[in-house]
Amino acid sequence: MKNLTLIFTFLFSLSASALTSGEPAPDFKLKGASGKELSLSSFKGKIVVLEWTNHGCPFVKKHYDSGNMQSLQKKYTGQNVIWLSIISSAEGKQGYVDQKAALEEKTSKKSSATDVLLDPDGAVGKLYGAMTTPHMFVVDKDGKLAYQGAIDSTPDTSVDSVASAKNYVVAALTDIMAGKKVTQPATQSYGCGVKY
């Protein structure tokens, strides 16, 4: 049954896309684990990665237990990229955290994200069409959506597959930093359904 649920979630995500790559990324304002309210527009002129997350999801666990997500966060925030992890789980549903718990989770998971943003009413998640965790978005320096979709090419929960997978976020960031157009601006996201 669990595998059927995972397959359904993956297939369901194929039909969901609220935004068009190359168009301006919608602005939003959310409170972070840091206690600060952050808006996307405040980072204009910088590359921004948006990572929808839920630490109860086995697909998210794959990338955190392997250290993959933290490694990417550390690498790119060290190169002046803003990395925002977003939790759109509704209160009472898997993955929901308040500000204090989000800060504790950020510390315990050794996240190097710029901040963890709280979206308990799901407004920003729905605005972006975030359907899975993880669901990744990259916004370029001009505020345009440069990439949206899966973190990588291997839609499974195995830590062992991380090293051999093609990482679409890395590919997009590499293109942007080289001043090139992103070769693959959209892929099909996979993971657990966002718990709206």
N, C-alpha and C. Protein backbone atom coordinates (compact mmCIF):
# COMPACT_ATOMS: atom_id res chain seq x y z
N MET A 1 0.83 -1.20 0.00
CA MET A 1 0.00 0.00 0.00
C MET A 1 0.87 1.26 0.00
N LYS A 2 1.95 1.21 0.79
CA LYS A 2 2.84 2.36 0.87
C LYS A 2 3.41 2.69 -0.51
N ASN A 3 3.84 1.62 -1.25
CA ASN A 3 4.40 1.85 -2.59
C ASN A 3 3.37 2.43 -3.53
N LEU A 4 2.10 1.99 -3.41
CA LEU A 4 1.04 2.54 -4.26
C LEU A 4 0.83 4.02 -3.99
N THR A 5 0.90 4.38 -2.70
CA THR A 5 0.76 5.79 -2.32
C THR A 5 1.88 6.62 -2.91
N LEU A 6 3.10 6.08 -2.85
CA LEU A 6 4.25 6.81 -3.39
C LEU A 6 4.13 6.95 -4.90
N ILE A 7 3.69 5.88 -5.57
CA ILE A 7 3.52 5.95 -7.02
C ILE A 7 2.43 6.96 -7.37
N PHE A 8 1.33 6.93 -6.63
CA PHE A 8 0.24 7.87 -6.88
C PHE A 8 0.74 9.31 -6.73
N THR A 9 1.50 9.55 -5.66
CA THR A 9 2.03 10.89 -5.42
C THR A 9 2.91 11.33 -6.58
N PHE A 10 3.74 10.42 -7.07
CA PHE A 10 4.63 10.75 -8.19
C PHE A 10 3.80 11.06 -9.44
N LEU A 11 2.83 10.21 -9.74
CA LEU A 11 2.01 10.43 -10.93
C LEU A 11 1.16 11.69 -10.81
N PHE A 12 0.65 11.94 -9.60
CA PHE A 12 -0.17 13.13 -9.37
C PHE A 12 0.63 14.39 -9.65
N SER A 13 1.91 14.35 -9.30
CA SER A 13 2.76 15.53 -9.47
C SER A 13 3.01 15.86 -10.95
N LEU A 14 2.80 14.86 -11.84
CA LEU A 14 3.08 15.08 -13.25
C LEU A 14 2.16 16.14 -13.85
N SER A 15 0.95 16.22 -13.33
CA SER A 15 -0.03 17.13 -13.92
C SER A 15 -0.04 18.51 -13.28
N ALA A 16 0.80 18.71 -12.28
CA ALA A 16 0.73 19.96 -11.53
C ALA A 16 1.88 20.90 -11.89
N SER A 17 1.54 22.04 -12.40
CA SER A 17 2.53 23.08 -12.65
C SER A 17 1.78 24.40 -12.78
N ALA A 18 1.95 25.23 -11.77
CA ALA A 18 1.22 26.49 -11.75
C ALA A 18 1.99 27.61 -12.45
N LEU A 19 3.29 27.41 -12.63
CA LEU A 19 4.14 28.48 -13.14
C LEU A 19 4.84 28.07 -14.43
N THR A 20 5.28 29.07 -15.17
CA THR A 20 6.02 28.83 -16.40
C THR A 20 7.47 29.25 -16.20
N SER A 21 8.39 28.34 -16.49
CA SER A 21 9.81 28.68 -16.39
C SER A 21 10.12 29.82 -17.36
N GLY A 22 10.96 30.75 -16.93
CA GLY A 22 11.32 31.91 -17.73
C GLY A 22 10.48 33.13 -17.43
N GLU A 23 9.35 32.93 -16.72
CA GLU A 23 8.49 34.04 -16.31
C GLU A 23 8.90 34.53 -14.92
N PRO A 24 8.50 35.76 -14.53
CA PRO A 24 8.83 36.24 -13.19
C PRO A 24 8.27 35.32 -12.10
N ALA A 25 9.09 35.02 -11.11
CA ALA A 25 8.65 34.19 -9.97
C ALA A 25 7.76 35.05 -9.08
N PRO A 26 6.60 34.55 -8.67
CA PRO A 26 5.71 35.36 -7.83
C PRO A 26 6.37 35.73 -6.50
N ASP A 27 6.17 36.98 -6.10
CA ASP A 27 6.71 37.42 -4.82
C ASP A 27 5.86 36.84 -3.69
N PHE A 28 6.47 36.70 -2.54
CA PHE A 28 5.76 36.23 -1.35
C PHE A 28 6.49 36.73 -0.12
N LYS A 29 5.81 36.65 1.00
CA LYS A 29 6.40 37.05 2.28
C LYS A 29 6.01 36.00 3.32
N LEU A 30 7.01 35.40 3.99
CA LEU A 30 6.76 34.39 5.00
C LEU A 30 7.68 34.60 6.20
N LYS A 31 7.22 34.17 7.35
CA LYS A 31 8.04 34.23 8.56
C LYS A 31 8.94 33.00 8.60
N GLY A 32 10.18 33.21 9.01
CA GLY A 32 11.15 32.13 9.05
C GLY A 32 11.41 31.60 10.44
N ALA A 33 12.12 30.50 10.51
CA ALA A 33 12.53 29.92 11.78
C ALA A 33 13.39 30.91 12.56
N SER A 34 14.06 31.81 11.83
CA SER A 34 14.90 32.83 12.45
C SER A 34 14.08 33.89 13.19
N GLY A 35 12.77 33.91 12.91
CA GLY A 35 11.91 34.93 13.50
C GLY A 35 11.70 36.12 12.59
N LYS A 36 12.49 36.19 11.52
CA LYS A 36 12.37 37.29 10.57
C LYS A 36 11.33 36.98 9.51
N GLU A 37 10.67 38.02 9.01
CA GLU A 37 9.77 37.88 7.88
C GLU A 37 10.58 38.17 6.63
N LEU A 38 10.57 37.25 5.69
CA LEU A 38 11.37 37.40 4.47
C LEU A 38 10.47 37.42 3.25
N SER A 39 10.85 38.23 2.27
CA SER A 39 10.12 38.24 1.00
C SER A 39 11.09 37.86 -0.11
N LEU A 40 10.56 37.24 -1.15
CA LEU A 40 11.41 36.88 -2.28
C LEU A 40 12.01 38.13 -2.91
N SER A 41 11.21 39.20 -3.03
CA SER A 41 11.68 40.43 -3.69
C SER A 41 12.86 41.08 -2.97
N SER A 42 13.02 40.79 -1.68
CA SER A 42 14.14 41.39 -0.94
C SER A 42 15.48 40.80 -1.38
N PHE A 43 15.44 39.70 -2.15
CA PHE A 43 16.67 39.06 -2.61
C PHE A 43 16.93 39.31 -4.10
N LYS A 44 16.26 40.32 -4.67
CA LYS A 44 16.46 40.62 -6.09
C LYS A 44 17.95 40.90 -6.33
N GLY A 45 18.45 40.37 -7.42
CA GLY A 45 19.88 40.51 -7.71
C GLY A 45 20.68 39.30 -7.24
N LYS A 46 20.01 38.38 -6.54
CA LYS A 46 20.66 37.15 -6.07
C LYS A 46 19.91 35.94 -6.64
N ILE A 47 20.61 34.84 -6.76
CA ILE A 47 19.98 33.58 -7.13
C ILE A 47 19.32 33.02 -5.87
N VAL A 48 18.10 32.52 -6.01
CA VAL A 48 17.37 31.97 -4.87
C VAL A 48 16.91 30.55 -5.19
N VAL A 49 17.18 29.63 -4.27
CA VAL A 49 16.67 28.26 -4.36
C VAL A 49 15.53 28.12 -3.36
N LEU A 50 14.39 27.60 -3.82
CA LEU A 50 13.26 27.30 -2.95
C LEU A 50 13.13 25.79 -2.87
N GLU A 51 13.16 25.27 -1.66
CA GLU A 51 13.11 23.82 -1.42
C GLU A 51 11.90 23.50 -0.55
N TRP A 52 10.88 22.89 -1.13
CA TRP A 52 9.74 22.48 -0.30
C TRP A 52 10.14 21.22 0.45
N THR A 53 9.90 21.23 1.77
CA THR A 53 10.40 20.14 2.60
C THR A 53 9.39 19.67 3.64
N ASN A 54 9.60 18.47 4.13
CA ASN A 54 8.81 17.84 5.19
C ASN A 54 9.68 16.70 5.70
N HIS A 55 10.23 16.85 6.90
CA HIS A 55 11.20 15.87 7.40
C HIS A 55 10.58 14.53 7.77
N GLY A 56 9.26 14.40 7.69
CA GLY A 56 8.62 13.11 7.89
C GLY A 56 8.53 12.31 6.60
N CYS A 57 8.87 12.92 5.48
CA CYS A 57 8.75 12.29 4.16
C CYS A 57 10.01 11.47 3.85
N PRO A 58 9.85 10.20 3.43
CA PRO A 58 11.04 9.38 3.13
C PRO A 58 11.88 9.90 1.97
N PHE A 59 11.28 10.63 1.04
CA PHE A 59 12.06 11.20 -0.07
C PHE A 59 12.94 12.34 0.42
N VAL A 60 12.43 13.12 1.36
CA VAL A 60 13.22 14.19 1.98
C VAL A 60 14.31 13.56 2.85
N LYS A 61 13.93 12.52 3.61
CA LYS A 61 14.91 11.84 4.47
C LYS A 61 16.09 11.33 3.65
N LYS A 62 15.80 10.82 2.45
CA LYS A 62 16.88 10.33 1.57
C LYS A 62 17.95 11.40 1.37
N HIS A 63 17.52 12.62 1.09
CA HIS A 63 18.47 13.68 0.78
C HIS A 63 19.11 14.29 2.03
N TYR A 64 18.43 14.22 3.17
CA TYR A 64 19.03 14.72 4.41
C TYR A 64 19.87 13.66 5.11
N ASP A 65 19.40 12.40 5.12
CA ASP A 65 20.17 11.32 5.77
C ASP A 65 21.49 11.08 5.04
N SER A 66 21.51 11.30 3.74
CA SER A 66 22.74 11.12 2.96
C SER A 66 23.67 12.34 3.09
N GLY A 67 23.13 13.44 3.60
CA GLY A 67 23.90 14.69 3.70
C GLY A 67 23.89 15.48 2.39
N ASN A 68 23.17 14.97 1.39
CA ASN A 68 23.14 15.62 0.08
C ASN A 68 22.57 17.03 0.13
N MET A 69 21.39 17.18 0.78
CA MET A 69 20.74 18.49 0.79
C MET A 69 21.59 19.51 1.55
N GLN A 70 22.11 19.09 2.71
CA GLN A 70 22.93 20.02 3.51
C GLN A 70 24.20 20.42 2.76
N SER A 71 24.78 19.46 2.03
CA SER A 71 25.99 19.74 1.25
C SER A 71 25.71 20.78 0.16
N LEU A 72 24.57 20.62 -0.52
CA LEU A 72 24.19 21.60 -1.55
C LEU A 72 23.92 22.97 -0.94
N GLN A 73 23.20 22.97 0.18
CA GLN A 73 22.90 24.24 0.87
C GLN A 73 24.20 24.96 1.25
N LYS A 74 25.12 24.23 1.84
CA LYS A 74 26.38 24.82 2.29
C LYS A 74 27.20 25.34 1.10
N LYS A 75 27.28 24.51 0.06
CA LYS A 75 28.07 24.89 -1.13
C LYS A 75 27.54 26.18 -1.76
N TYR A 76 26.24 26.21 -1.97
CA TYR A 76 25.69 27.35 -2.73
C TYR A 76 25.46 28.60 -1.89
N THR A 77 25.11 28.45 -0.62
CA THR A 77 25.03 29.66 0.21
C THR A 77 26.42 30.27 0.37
N GLY A 78 27.45 29.42 0.29
CA GLY A 78 28.84 29.91 0.32
C GLY A 78 29.21 30.66 -0.95
N GLN A 79 28.38 30.52 -1.98
CA GLN A 79 28.60 31.23 -3.26
C GLN A 79 27.56 32.34 -3.44
N ASN A 80 27.02 32.83 -2.34
CA ASN A 80 26.10 33.97 -2.33
C ASN A 80 24.70 33.64 -2.87
N VAL A 81 24.35 32.35 -2.93
CA VAL A 81 22.99 31.94 -3.30
C VAL A 81 22.14 31.93 -2.03
N ILE A 82 20.91 32.38 -2.14
CA ILE A 82 19.95 32.33 -1.03
C ILE A 82 19.21 31.00 -1.14
N TRP A 83 19.17 30.24 -0.05
CA TRP A 83 18.50 28.93 -0.05
C TRP A 83 17.40 28.97 1.00
N LEU A 84 16.16 28.88 0.55
CA LEU A 84 15.02 28.94 1.46
C LEU A 84 14.27 27.61 1.46
N SER A 85 14.28 26.92 2.60
CA SER A 85 13.48 25.71 2.76
C SER A 85 12.10 26.16 3.20
N ILE A 86 11.06 25.61 2.58
CA ILE A 86 9.69 26.04 2.86
C ILE A 86 8.86 24.85 3.33
N ILE A 87 8.17 25.04 4.46
CA ILE A 87 7.30 23.99 5.01
C ILE A 87 5.86 24.46 4.84
N SER A 88 5.11 23.76 3.99
CA SER A 88 3.71 24.12 3.74
C SER A 88 2.74 23.14 4.40
N SER A 89 3.23 22.29 5.29
CA SER A 89 2.34 21.36 6.00
C SER A 89 1.38 22.14 6.89
N ALA A 90 0.11 21.77 6.82
CA ALA A 90 -0.91 22.42 7.65
C ALA A 90 -0.82 21.91 9.09
N GLU A 91 -1.28 22.73 10.02
CA GLU A 91 -1.28 22.32 11.43
C GLU A 91 -2.06 21.03 11.59
N GLY A 92 -1.47 20.08 12.33
CA GLY A 92 -2.11 18.79 12.55
C GLY A 92 -1.73 17.74 11.52
N LYS A 93 -0.98 18.15 10.49
CA LYS A 93 -0.57 17.20 9.44
C LYS A 93 0.94 16.96 9.52
N GLN A 94 1.36 15.83 8.89
CA GLN A 94 2.77 15.45 8.91
C GLN A 94 3.66 16.59 8.42
N GLY A 95 4.72 16.85 9.16
CA GLY A 95 5.69 17.86 8.76
C GLY A 95 5.43 19.24 9.33
N TYR A 96 4.23 19.45 9.91
CA TYR A 96 3.94 20.78 10.46
C TYR A 96 4.88 21.07 11.63
N VAL A 97 5.40 22.28 11.66
CA VAL A 97 6.21 22.75 12.79
C VAL A 97 5.89 24.22 13.03
N ASP A 98 6.03 24.64 14.28
CA ASP A 98 5.94 26.07 14.58
C ASP A 98 7.35 26.65 14.48
N GLN A 99 7.49 27.93 14.77
CA GLN A 99 8.79 28.59 14.62
C GLN A 99 9.88 27.94 15.46
N LYS A 100 9.57 27.64 16.72
CA LYS A 100 10.57 27.04 17.62
C LYS A 100 11.00 25.67 17.12
N ALA A 101 10.02 24.85 16.73
CA ALA A 101 10.34 23.50 16.23
C ALA A 101 11.10 23.56 14.92
N ALA A 102 10.78 24.54 14.08
CA ALA A 102 11.50 24.69 12.80
C ALA A 102 12.97 25.02 13.05
N LEU A 103 13.22 25.87 14.02
CA LEU A 103 14.60 26.23 14.36
C LEU A 103 15.35 25.02 14.93
N GLU A 104 14.67 24.25 15.79
CA GLU A 104 15.28 23.04 16.36
C GLU A 104 15.58 22.02 15.26
N GLU A 105 14.63 21.88 14.32
CA GLU A 105 14.79 20.94 13.21
C GLU A 105 15.95 21.37 12.31
N LYS A 106 16.05 22.67 12.06
CA LYS A 106 17.14 23.19 11.22
C LYS A 106 18.49 22.84 11.84
N THR A 107 18.57 22.98 13.18
CA THR A 107 19.81 22.66 13.90
C THR A 107 20.08 21.16 13.90
N SER A 108 19.07 20.37 14.23
CA SER A 108 19.27 18.92 14.34
C SER A 108 19.59 18.27 12.99
N LYS A 109 19.04 18.81 11.93
CA LYS A 109 19.29 18.26 10.59
C LYS A 109 20.56 18.85 9.98
N LYS A 110 21.19 19.79 10.69
CA LYS A 110 22.42 20.45 10.24
C LYS A 110 22.21 21.15 8.89
N SER A 111 21.05 21.76 8.76
CA SER A 111 20.72 22.49 7.54
C SER A 111 21.56 23.75 7.43
N SER A 112 22.01 24.02 6.22
CA SER A 112 22.73 25.26 5.94
C SER A 112 21.89 26.21 5.10
N ALA A 113 20.56 25.96 5.09
CA ALA A 113 19.67 26.87 4.37
C ALA A 113 19.76 28.26 4.97
N THR A 114 19.54 29.27 4.15
CA THR A 114 19.53 30.65 4.63
C THR A 114 18.48 30.80 5.73
N ASP A 115 17.31 30.20 5.52
CA ASP A 115 16.26 30.17 6.53
C ASP A 115 15.26 29.09 6.16
N VAL A 116 14.45 28.70 7.15
CA VAL A 116 13.34 27.77 6.93
C VAL A 116 12.07 28.60 7.08
N LEU A 117 11.27 28.67 6.02
CA LEU A 117 10.08 29.51 6.01
C LEU A 117 8.83 28.70 6.30
N LEU A 118 7.91 29.29 7.05
CA LEU A 118 6.69 28.61 7.47
C LEU A 118 5.50 29.10 6.68
N ASP A 119 4.81 28.15 6.05
CA ASP A 119 3.68 28.43 5.17
C ASP A 119 2.50 27.53 5.57
N PRO A 120 2.05 27.62 6.84
CA PRO A 120 1.06 26.67 7.34
C PRO A 120 -0.30 26.74 6.65
N ASP A 121 -0.64 27.87 6.05
CA ASP A 121 -1.92 27.93 5.32
C ASP A 121 -1.76 27.48 3.86
N GLY A 122 -0.51 27.18 3.48
CA GLY A 122 -0.24 26.64 2.15
C GLY A 122 -0.36 27.64 1.02
N ALA A 123 -0.52 28.92 1.33
CA ALA A 123 -0.74 29.92 0.28
C ALA A 123 0.41 30.00 -0.71
N VAL A 124 1.64 30.00 -0.20
CA VAL A 124 2.80 30.12 -1.08
C VAL A 124 3.04 28.82 -1.84
N GLY A 125 2.85 27.70 -1.18
CA GLY A 125 2.99 26.41 -1.85
C GLY A 125 2.02 26.29 -3.01
N LYS A 126 0.79 26.70 -2.79
CA LYS A 126 -0.22 26.63 -3.86
C LYS A 126 0.07 27.65 -4.96
N LEU A 127 0.59 28.82 -4.58
CA LEU A 127 0.96 29.84 -5.55
C LEU A 127 2.00 29.29 -6.53
N TYR A 128 2.94 28.51 -5.99
CA TYR A 128 4.01 27.94 -6.81
C TYR A 128 3.65 26.60 -7.43
N GLY A 129 2.55 26.02 -7.00
CA GLY A 129 2.20 24.69 -7.49
C GLY A 129 3.08 23.61 -6.93
N ALA A 130 3.61 23.84 -5.71
CA ALA A 130 4.44 22.83 -5.05
C ALA A 130 3.57 21.64 -4.67
N MET A 131 3.87 20.49 -5.24
CA MET A 131 3.04 19.31 -5.05
C MET A 131 3.72 18.23 -4.23
N THR A 132 5.05 18.25 -4.18
CA THR A 132 5.77 17.17 -3.50
C THR A 132 6.85 17.73 -2.59
N THR A 133 7.32 16.86 -1.71
CA THR A 133 8.53 17.18 -0.94
C THR A 133 9.53 16.07 -1.23
N PRO A 134 10.73 16.47 -1.75
CA PRO A 134 11.09 17.84 -2.11
C PRO A 134 10.50 18.26 -3.47
N HIS A 135 10.24 19.55 -3.60
CA HIS A 135 9.91 20.16 -4.90
C HIS A 135 10.80 21.39 -4.95
N MET A 136 11.58 21.51 -6.00
CA MET A 136 12.63 22.52 -6.06
C MET A 136 12.34 23.58 -7.12
N PHE A 137 12.69 24.82 -6.78
CA PHE A 137 12.54 25.95 -7.70
C PHE A 137 13.81 26.78 -7.60
N VAL A 138 14.29 27.27 -8.75
CA VAL A 138 15.46 28.16 -8.76
C VAL A 138 15.05 29.45 -9.45
N VAL A 139 15.28 30.55 -8.76
CA VAL A 139 14.95 31.89 -9.28
C VAL A 139 16.27 32.59 -9.61
N ASP A 140 16.36 33.15 -10.81
CA ASP A 140 17.63 33.78 -11.20
C ASP A 140 17.74 35.21 -10.65
N LYS A 141 18.85 35.87 -10.95
CA LYS A 141 19.12 37.21 -10.40
C LYS A 141 18.12 38.26 -10.86
N ASP A 142 17.44 37.99 -11.98
CA ASP A 142 16.43 38.92 -12.49
C ASP A 142 15.04 38.64 -11.91
N GLY A 143 14.97 37.67 -11.00
CA GLY A 143 13.68 37.34 -10.39
C GLY A 143 12.81 36.44 -11.25
N LYS A 144 13.40 35.81 -12.25
CA LYS A 144 12.64 34.90 -13.12
C LYS A 144 12.84 33.45 -12.68
N LEU A 145 11.79 32.66 -12.86
CA LEU A 145 11.86 31.25 -12.52
C LEU A 145 12.71 30.53 -13.56
N ALA A 146 13.88 30.08 -13.14
CA ALA A 146 14.82 29.46 -14.08
C ALA A 146 14.67 27.95 -14.12
N TYR A 147 14.23 27.36 -13.00
CA TYR A 147 14.07 25.90 -12.94
C TYR A 147 12.96 25.56 -11.96
N GLN A 148 12.21 24.49 -12.27
CA GLN A 148 11.23 23.94 -11.33
C GLN A 148 11.10 22.45 -11.56
N GLY A 149 10.99 21.71 -10.46
CA GLY A 149 10.79 20.27 -10.58
C GLY A 149 11.51 19.46 -9.53
N ALA A 150 11.99 18.29 -9.95
CA ALA A 150 12.65 17.34 -9.05
C ALA A 150 14.05 17.82 -8.69
N ILE A 151 14.53 17.33 -7.56
CA ILE A 151 15.92 17.64 -7.20
C ILE A 151 16.87 16.86 -8.10
N ASP A 152 16.48 15.62 -8.45
CA ASP A 152 17.38 14.81 -9.27
C ASP A 152 16.59 13.82 -10.13
N SER A 153 17.33 12.97 -10.83
CA SER A 153 16.74 12.07 -11.82
C SER A 153 16.31 10.71 -11.27
N THR A 154 16.45 10.49 -9.97
CA THR A 154 16.15 9.17 -9.42
C THR A 154 15.03 9.24 -8.40
N PRO A 155 13.78 8.97 -8.83
CA PRO A 155 12.63 9.09 -7.92
C PRO A 155 12.44 7.89 -7.00
N ASP A 156 13.39 7.72 -6.08
CA ASP A 156 13.26 6.65 -5.10
C ASP A 156 13.66 7.17 -3.72
N THR A 157 13.62 6.30 -2.73
CA THR A 157 13.94 6.72 -1.36
C THR A 157 15.28 6.16 -0.89
N SER A 158 16.06 5.64 -1.80
CA SER A 158 17.34 5.01 -1.44
C SER A 158 18.48 6.03 -1.37
N VAL A 159 19.12 6.06 -0.22
CA VAL A 159 20.29 6.93 -0.03
C VAL A 159 21.38 6.58 -1.05
N ASP A 160 21.45 5.29 -1.40
CA ASP A 160 22.50 4.83 -2.31
C ASP A 160 22.39 5.41 -3.72
N SER A 161 21.22 5.87 -4.10
CA SER A 161 21.04 6.37 -5.47
C SER A 161 21.45 7.84 -5.64
N VAL A 162 21.71 8.53 -4.55
CA VAL A 162 22.01 9.96 -4.62
C VAL A 162 23.25 10.24 -5.47
N ALA A 163 24.30 9.48 -5.24
CA ALA A 163 25.58 9.74 -5.92
C ALA A 163 25.51 9.57 -7.43
N SER A 164 24.70 8.62 -7.90
CA SER A 164 24.65 8.33 -9.33
C SER A 164 23.58 9.13 -10.08
N ALA A 165 22.71 9.81 -9.35
CA ALA A 165 21.62 10.56 -9.99
C ALA A 165 22.13 11.86 -10.61
N LYS A 166 21.45 12.31 -11.65
CA LYS A 166 21.73 13.64 -12.20
C LYS A 166 20.99 14.64 -11.34
N ASN A 167 21.71 15.60 -10.77
CA ASN A 167 21.08 16.61 -9.92
C ASN A 167 20.67 17.81 -10.78
N TYR A 168 19.36 17.96 -10.95
CA TYR A 168 18.84 19.03 -11.81
C TYR A 168 19.06 20.42 -11.22
N VAL A 169 19.06 20.53 -9.92
CA VAL A 169 19.27 21.83 -9.27
C VAL A 169 20.71 22.28 -9.49
N VAL A 170 21.65 21.37 -9.32
CA VAL A 170 23.06 21.68 -9.58
C VAL A 170 23.25 22.10 -11.04
N ALA A 171 22.62 21.36 -11.95
CA ALA A 171 22.73 21.68 -13.38
C ALA A 171 22.20 23.08 -13.67
N ALA A 172 21.06 23.42 -13.08
CA ALA A 172 20.47 24.75 -13.29
C ALA A 172 21.36 25.84 -12.72
N LEU A 173 21.85 25.64 -11.51
CA LEU A 173 22.72 26.64 -10.88
C LEU A 173 24.02 26.82 -11.65
N THR A 174 24.54 25.72 -12.16
CA THR A 174 25.78 25.78 -12.96
C THR A 174 25.56 26.62 -14.22
N ASP A 175 24.44 26.37 -14.89
CA ASP A 175 24.13 27.16 -16.09
C ASP A 175 23.98 28.65 -15.77
N ILE A 176 23.20 28.94 -14.72
CA ILE A 176 22.96 30.35 -14.35
C ILE A 176 24.27 31.05 -14.00
N MET A 177 25.11 30.38 -13.21
CA MET A 177 26.36 31.00 -12.78
C MET A 177 27.34 31.20 -13.93
N ALA A 178 27.15 30.41 -14.99
CA ALA A 178 28.01 30.54 -16.17
C ALA A 178 27.42 31.55 -17.17
N GLY A 179 26.29 32.17 -16.78
CA GLY A 179 25.65 33.15 -17.66
C GLY A 179 24.91 32.52 -18.82
N LYS A 180 24.58 31.24 -18.69
CA LYS A 180 23.87 30.53 -19.76
C LYS A 180 22.39 30.37 -19.41
N LYS A 181 21.60 30.08 -20.43
CA LYS A 181 20.20 29.75 -20.23
C LYS A 181 20.15 28.33 -19.67
N VAL A 182 19.25 28.08 -18.73
CA VAL A 182 19.15 26.77 -18.11
C VAL A 182 18.71 25.76 -19.17
N THR A 183 19.51 24.71 -19.34
CA THR A 183 19.27 23.71 -20.37
C THR A 183 17.97 22.95 -20.14
N GLN A 184 17.71 22.60 -18.87
CA GLN A 184 16.49 21.85 -18.55
C GLN A 184 15.70 22.65 -17.51
N PRO A 185 14.81 23.55 -17.95
CA PRO A 185 14.13 24.45 -17.01
C PRO A 185 12.99 23.83 -16.21
N ALA A 186 12.56 22.63 -16.58
CA ALA A 186 11.48 21.99 -15.83
C ALA A 186 11.58 20.47 -15.93
N THR A 187 11.32 19.81 -14.81
CA THR A 187 11.23 18.35 -14.77
C THR A 187 10.02 17.99 -13.91
N GLN A 188 9.69 16.72 -13.88
CA GLN A 188 8.57 16.26 -13.06
C GLN A 188 9.06 16.03 -11.64
N SER A 189 8.44 16.70 -10.69
CA SER A 189 8.85 16.51 -9.29
C SER A 189 8.39 15.14 -8.81
N TYR A 190 9.06 14.65 -7.79
CA TYR A 190 8.64 13.38 -7.17
C TYR A 190 8.74 13.54 -5.67
N GLY A 191 8.06 12.68 -4.94
CA GLY A 191 8.15 12.71 -3.49
C GLY A 191 6.80 12.50 -2.85
N CYS A 192 6.71 12.86 -1.59
CA CYS A 192 5.44 12.79 -0.85
C CYS A 192 4.59 14.01 -1.22
N GLY A 193 3.31 13.86 -1.24
CA GLY A 193 2.45 15.02 -1.48
C GLY A 193 2.59 16.05 -0.38
N VAL A 194 2.60 17.33 -0.73
CA VAL A 194 2.64 18.39 0.28
C VAL A 194 1.37 18.27 1.11
N LYS A 195 1.51 18.34 2.43
CA LYS A 195 0.39 18.11 3.34
C LYS A 195 -0.41 19.38 3.61
N TYR A 196 -1.07 19.87 2.57
CA TYR A 196 -1.89 21.10 2.69
C TYR A 196 -3.08 20.87 3.62
